[in-house]
Amino acid sequence: MSTPTPKDLAERAKKAMQELPAETALGNADPAGGVDTDPKPIDEAAAATPQQ
């Protein structure tokens, strides 16, 4: 097996990044998978309840 060139490695890395979901590529993947609901009620409830 030959040693890959830097160009080959860059192409492989680019391809791997393109195959990742956007949130994973940005580094903030949600392991629970996120939610499909409207976030506005959740944000409003969080604002209405003070943190302890």
N, C-alpha and C. Protein backbone atom coordinates (compact mmCIF):
# COMPACT_ATOMS: atom_id res chain seq x y z
N MET A 1 0.84 -1.18 0.00
CA MET A 1 0.00 0.00 0.00
C MET A 1 0.89 1.24 0.00
N SER A 2 0.58 2.18 -0.85
CA SER A 2 1.40 3.38 -0.95
C SER A 2 0.97 4.42 0.10
N THR A 3 1.87 5.31 0.39
CA THR A 3 1.60 6.39 1.33
C THR A 3 0.74 7.45 0.65
N PRO A 4 -0.39 7.82 1.28
CA PRO A 4 -1.24 8.84 0.64
C PRO A 4 -0.56 10.21 0.64
N THR A 5 -0.79 10.95 -0.41
CA THR A 5 -0.23 12.29 -0.51
C THR A 5 -1.12 13.26 0.28
N PRO A 6 -0.59 14.43 0.63
CA PRO A 6 -1.42 15.41 1.32
C PRO A 6 -2.68 15.77 0.53
N LYS A 7 -2.57 15.80 -0.79
CA LYS A 7 -3.74 16.11 -1.62
C LYS A 7 -4.80 15.02 -1.48
N ASP A 8 -4.36 13.75 -1.47
CA ASP A 8 -5.28 12.64 -1.29
C ASP A 8 -5.98 12.72 0.06
N LEU A 9 -5.20 13.01 1.09
CA LEU A 9 -5.77 13.12 2.44
C LEU A 9 -6.78 14.26 2.52
N ALA A 10 -6.48 15.38 1.89
CA ALA A 10 -7.39 16.53 1.91
C ALA A 10 -8.69 16.18 1.19
N GLU A 11 -8.60 15.47 0.09
CA GLU A 11 -9.81 15.07 -0.65
C GLU A 11 -10.65 14.10 0.17
N ARG A 12 -10.00 13.16 0.85
CA ARG A 12 -10.73 12.21 1.70
C ARG A 12 -11.40 12.91 2.87
N ALA A 13 -10.71 13.87 3.48
CA ALA A 13 -11.29 14.62 4.59
C ALA A 13 -12.48 15.45 4.13
N LYS A 14 -12.35 16.09 2.97
CA LYS A 14 -13.44 16.90 2.44
C LYS A 14 -14.67 16.04 2.17
N LYS A 15 -14.45 14.86 1.59
CA LYS A 15 -15.56 13.96 1.30
C LYS A 15 -16.22 13.49 2.61
N ALA A 16 -15.41 13.17 3.61
CA ALA A 16 -15.96 12.72 4.89
C ALA A 16 -16.79 13.81 5.54
N MET A 17 -16.33 15.06 5.47
CA MET A 17 -17.07 16.17 6.06
C MET A 17 -18.38 16.41 5.33
N GLN A 18 -18.41 16.21 4.02
CA GLN A 18 -19.63 16.42 3.24
C GLN A 18 -20.68 15.37 3.58
N GLU A 19 -20.26 14.21 4.03
CA GLU A 19 -21.19 13.14 4.35
C GLU A 19 -21.78 13.27 5.75
N LEU A 20 -21.20 14.11 6.59
CA LEU A 20 -21.70 14.30 7.95
C LEU A 20 -22.93 15.19 7.95
N PRO A 21 -23.85 14.97 8.90
CA PRO A 21 -24.95 15.93 9.06
C PRO A 21 -24.37 17.30 9.43
N ALA A 22 -25.06 18.34 9.08
CA ALA A 22 -24.55 19.69 9.31
C ALA A 22 -24.24 19.94 10.78
N GLU A 23 -25.12 19.50 11.68
CA GLU A 23 -24.87 19.78 13.09
C GLU A 23 -23.63 19.06 13.60
N THR A 24 -23.33 17.88 13.06
CA THR A 24 -22.13 17.16 13.46
C THR A 24 -20.89 17.85 12.89
N ALA A 25 -20.98 18.30 11.67
CA ALA A 25 -19.84 18.97 11.04
C ALA A 25 -19.48 20.25 11.79
N LEU A 26 -20.47 20.88 12.40
CA LEU A 26 -20.22 22.10 13.15
C LEU A 26 -19.73 21.82 14.57
N GLY A 27 -19.82 20.57 14.99
CA GLY A 27 -19.29 20.20 16.30
C GLY A 27 -20.30 20.27 17.42
N ASN A 28 -21.57 20.41 17.13
CA ASN A 28 -22.57 20.50 18.19
C ASN A 28 -23.68 19.48 17.98
N ALA A 29 -23.29 18.26 17.77
CA ALA A 29 -24.29 17.21 17.52
C ALA A 29 -25.14 16.97 18.75
N ASP A 30 -26.41 16.73 18.53
CA ASP A 30 -27.33 16.42 19.61
C ASP A 30 -27.51 14.91 19.64
N PRO A 31 -26.95 14.22 20.65
CA PRO A 31 -27.04 12.77 20.67
C PRO A 31 -28.48 12.26 20.78
N ALA A 32 -29.38 13.08 21.32
CA ALA A 32 -30.78 12.67 21.45
C ALA A 32 -31.53 12.83 20.13
N GLY A 33 -30.95 13.51 19.18
CA GLY A 33 -31.58 13.66 17.88
C GLY A 33 -32.39 14.92 17.70
N GLY A 34 -32.46 15.75 18.72
CA GLY A 34 -33.21 17.00 18.59
C GLY A 34 -34.71 16.78 18.64
N VAL A 35 -35.45 17.84 18.35
CA VAL A 35 -36.91 17.77 18.35
C VAL A 35 -37.44 18.34 17.05
N ASP A 36 -38.63 17.91 16.67
CA ASP A 36 -39.27 18.41 15.46
C ASP A 36 -40.34 19.44 15.78
N THR A 37 -40.49 19.81 17.04
CA THR A 37 -41.54 20.75 17.42
C THR A 37 -41.05 22.18 17.29
N ASP A 38 -42.00 23.11 17.39
CA ASP A 38 -41.68 24.53 17.33
C ASP A 38 -40.95 24.93 18.62
N PRO A 39 -39.76 25.51 18.55
CA PRO A 39 -39.01 25.84 19.76
C PRO A 39 -39.54 27.05 20.51
N LYS A 40 -40.43 27.85 19.90
CA LYS A 40 -40.90 29.07 20.54
C LYS A 40 -41.58 28.81 21.89
N PRO A 41 -42.52 27.85 22.02
CA PRO A 41 -43.11 27.60 23.34
C PRO A 41 -42.09 27.15 24.38
N ILE A 42 -41.11 26.39 23.96
CA ILE A 42 -40.07 25.95 24.89
C ILE A 42 -39.26 27.15 25.37
N ASP A 43 -38.91 28.05 24.45
CA ASP A 43 -38.16 29.25 24.83
C ASP A 43 -38.97 30.14 25.74
N GLU A 44 -40.27 30.28 25.47
CA GLU A 44 -41.13 31.12 26.31
C GLU A 44 -41.25 30.53 27.71
N ALA A 45 -41.42 29.22 27.82
CA ALA A 45 -41.52 28.58 29.13
C ALA A 45 -40.21 28.74 29.90
N ALA A 46 -39.10 28.64 29.21
CA ALA A 46 -37.81 28.79 29.87
C ALA A 46 -37.61 30.21 30.37
N ALA A 47 -38.08 31.19 29.60
CA ALA A 47 -37.96 32.59 30.01
C ALA A 47 -38.87 32.91 31.19
N ALA A 48 -40.02 32.25 31.26
CA ALA A 48 -40.98 32.51 32.32
C ALA A 48 -40.57 31.88 33.65
N THR A 49 -39.75 30.85 33.60
CA THR A 49 -39.33 30.15 34.81
C THR A 49 -37.91 30.59 35.15
N PRO A 50 -37.75 31.29 36.27
CA PRO A 50 -36.39 31.72 36.64
C PRO A 50 -35.53 30.52 37.07
N GLN A 51 -34.27 30.63 36.76
CA GLN A 51 -33.34 29.56 37.17
C GLN A 51 -33.06 29.66 38.65
N GLN A 52 -32.84 28.51 39.25
CA GLN A 52 -32.55 28.49 40.70
C GLN A 52 -31.10 28.28 40.97
